[in-house]
Protein backbone atom coordinates (compact mmCIF):
# COMPACT_ATOMS: atom_id res chain seq x y z
CA UNK A 1 -6.74 -20.98 -12.65
CA UNK A 2 -4.69 -20.15 -9.67
CA UNK A 3 -5.80 -22.04 -5.82
CA UNK A 4 -6.54 -19.74 -2.95
CA UNK A 5 -3.38 -20.74 -1.50
CA UNK A 6 -1.29 -19.09 -5.05
CA UNK A 7 -3.59 -16.81 -5.41
CA UNK A 8 -2.82 -15.30 -1.63
CA UNK A 9 1.52 -16.07 -1.78
CA UNK A 10 1.67 -14.67 -5.23
CA UNK A 11 -0.52 -11.46 -3.48
CA UNK A 12 2.52 -11.11 -0.71
CA UNK A 13 5.29 -11.44 -3.14
CA UNK A 14 3.20 -8.61 -5.49
CA UNK A 15 3.27 -6.35 -2.73
CA UNK A 16 7.02 -7.36 -0.90
CA UNK A 17 8.07 -5.96 -4.15
CA UNK A 18 6.19 -3.06 -4.62
CA UNK A 19 4.32 -4.43 -7.41
CA UNK A 20 0.75 -3.29 -6.32
CA UNK A 21 -1.17 -3.47 -9.69
CA UNK A 22 -0.51 -7.08 -9.35
CA UNK A 23 -2.00 -6.85 -6.06
CA UNK A 24 -5.09 -4.98 -6.95
CA UNK A 25 -5.66 -7.35 -9.92
CA UNK A 26 -6.52 -10.13 -7.74
CA UNK A 27 -9.04 -8.29 -5.89
CA UNK A 28 -12.77 -8.67 -7.04
CA UNK A 29 -14.43 -5.53 -7.90
CA UNK A 30 -16.51 -5.46 -4.67
CA UNK A 31 -13.68 -6.59 -2.67
CA UNK A 32 -14.70 -5.94 1.15
CA UNK A 33 -11.32 -5.05 3.07
CA UNK A 34 -11.64 -5.24 6.65
CA UNK A 35 -8.56 -2.79 8.38
CA UNK A 36 -8.34 -3.75 12.36
CA UNK A 37 -9.95 -0.83 14.43
CA UNK A 38 -7.78 0.96 16.14
CA UNK A 39 -4.75 0.79 13.70
CA UNK A 40 -3.74 3.73 11.78
CA UNK A 41 -5.94 2.89 8.76
CA UNK A 42 -8.37 1.04 10.85
CA UNK A 43 -11.72 0.85 8.88
CA UNK A 44 -13.72 -0.91 5.70
CA UNK A 45 -13.10 0.16 2.32
CA UNK A 46 -15.13 -1.28 -0.38
CA UNK A 47 -13.54 -2.25 -3.77
CA UNK A 48 -9.15 -2.36 -5.10
CA UNK A 49 -9.47 1.81 -4.94
CA UNK A 50 -10.71 2.06 -2.03
CA UNK A 51 -7.93 -0.05 -0.46
CA UNK A 52 -5.41 1.35 -2.91
CA UNK A 53 -6.46 5.12 -1.58
CA UNK A 54 -6.77 4.28 1.96
CA UNK A 55 -4.29 1.86 2.77
CA UNK A 56 -2.11 0.95 0.04
CA UNK A 57 -0.63 4.51 -0.97
CA UNK A 58 -0.76 5.46 2.99
CA UNK A 59 1.44 2.92 3.68
CA UNK A 60 3.58 4.10 1.21
CA UNK A 61 4.04 7.34 1.99
CA UNK A 62 3.94 7.64 5.44
CA UNK A 63 6.39 4.11 5.95
CA UNK A 64 10.14 3.61 5.34
CA UNK A 65 10.63 -0.31 4.44
CA UNK A 66 7.16 -1.37 5.67
CA UNK A 67 6.36 -5.21 5.19
CA UNK A 68 3.94 -8.02 5.59
CA UNK A 69 5.84 -10.88 5.74
CA UNK A 70 3.68 -14.45 6.27
CA UNK A 71 5.20 -17.05 7.61
CA UNK A 72 2.59 -19.89 7.73
CA UNK A 73 -0.56 -20.64 5.72
CA UNK A 74 -3.74 -22.15 6.84
CA UNK A 75 -6.12 -23.19 4.12
CA UNK A 76 -10.22 -24.15 4.12
CA UNK A 77 -11.60 -24.65 0.93
CA UNK A 78 -11.59 -21.06 -0.54
CA UNK A 79 -10.44 -19.19 2.58
CA UNK A 80 -6.81 -18.78 3.37
CA UNK A 81 -5.32 -17.41 6.88
CA UNK A 82 -2.26 -16.03 6.75
CA UNK A 83 -0.12 -15.70 9.74
CA UNK A 84 3.25 -13.60 9.45
CA UNK A 85 5.02 -10.65 11.11
CA UNK A 86 4.53 -6.49 10.21
CA UNK A 87 6.92 -4.13 10.13
CA UNK A 88 8.44 -0.51 8.82
CA UNK A 89 9.77 2.87 10.20
CA UNK A 90 7.29 5.46 10.12
CA UNK A 91 8.83 8.72 8.34
CA UNK A 92 7.48 11.46 10.09
CA UNK A 93 8.96 9.76 13.62
CA UNK A 94 11.55 7.75 12.44
CA UNK A 95 10.25 5.04 14.65
CA UNK A 96 9.94 1.61 13.59
CA UNK A 97 8.24 -1.54 15.10
CA UNK A 98 7.18 -5.40 14.62
CA UNK A 99 4.03 -6.82 14.69
CA UNK A 100 2.27 -10.45 14.76
CA UNK A 101 -1.12 -10.60 12.06
CA UNK A 102 -3.87 -12.99 11.18
CA UNK A 103 -5.23 -12.31 8.02
CA UNK A 104 -8.16 -13.97 6.44
CA UNK A 105 -8.28 -13.93 2.68
CA UNK A 106 -11.73 -15.45 0.91
CA UNK A 107 -11.67 -16.18 -2.76
CA UNK A 108 -14.35 -16.23 -5.42
CA UNK A 109 -13.64 -17.27 -9.22
CA UNK A 110 -10.09 -16.54 -8.28
CA UNK A 111 -10.42 -13.40 -7.08
CA UNK A 112 -10.35 -12.04 -3.76
CA UNK A 113 -13.45 -10.86 -2.02
CA UNK A 114 -12.84 -10.29 1.11
CA UNK A 115 -9.86 -9.43 3.45
CA UNK A 116 -9.77 -9.21 7.34
CA UNK A 117 -6.63 -7.88 9.47
CA UNK A 118 -5.99 -8.58 12.91
CA UNK A 119 -2.82 -7.31 14.91
CA UNK A 120 -1.62 -5.99 18.14
CA UNK A 121 -2.53 -2.14 16.62
CA UNK A 122 -0.67 -0.88 19.72
CA UNK A 123 1.85 -1.88 18.47
CA UNK A 124 1.58 -0.60 14.92
CA UNK A 125 0.40 2.98 16.55
CA UNK A 126 3.57 3.21 18.48
CA UNK A 127 5.68 4.77 15.90
CA UNK A 128 3.17 7.43 15.18
CA UNK A 129 3.52 9.07 18.29
């Protein structure tokens, strides 16, 4: 079984390739997903289907070239913090953005049980206006 760092890196690789089924395969059925309040998709979503419907489908449908590229990983036991940069262009306005992020992942039995997003939501919201 892969360790938490390998699991996290695999999630970002699959996301970058547009392989959302592989991303969702790593999620526990009860994953607790928290998007930063004030962001375009802010809120708490429970379970892979809720994340797919409320975050991933919207990202794919509303943005061109959306990416979440981690540059550093900090590991402590079953927790992984990924530090990186978001970027993309909002289809409705054609405006683009970049914003730093910190993601906190927690794993249990080889599955992601929680995700917490921290980002500059003002930067993420600008292209929507």
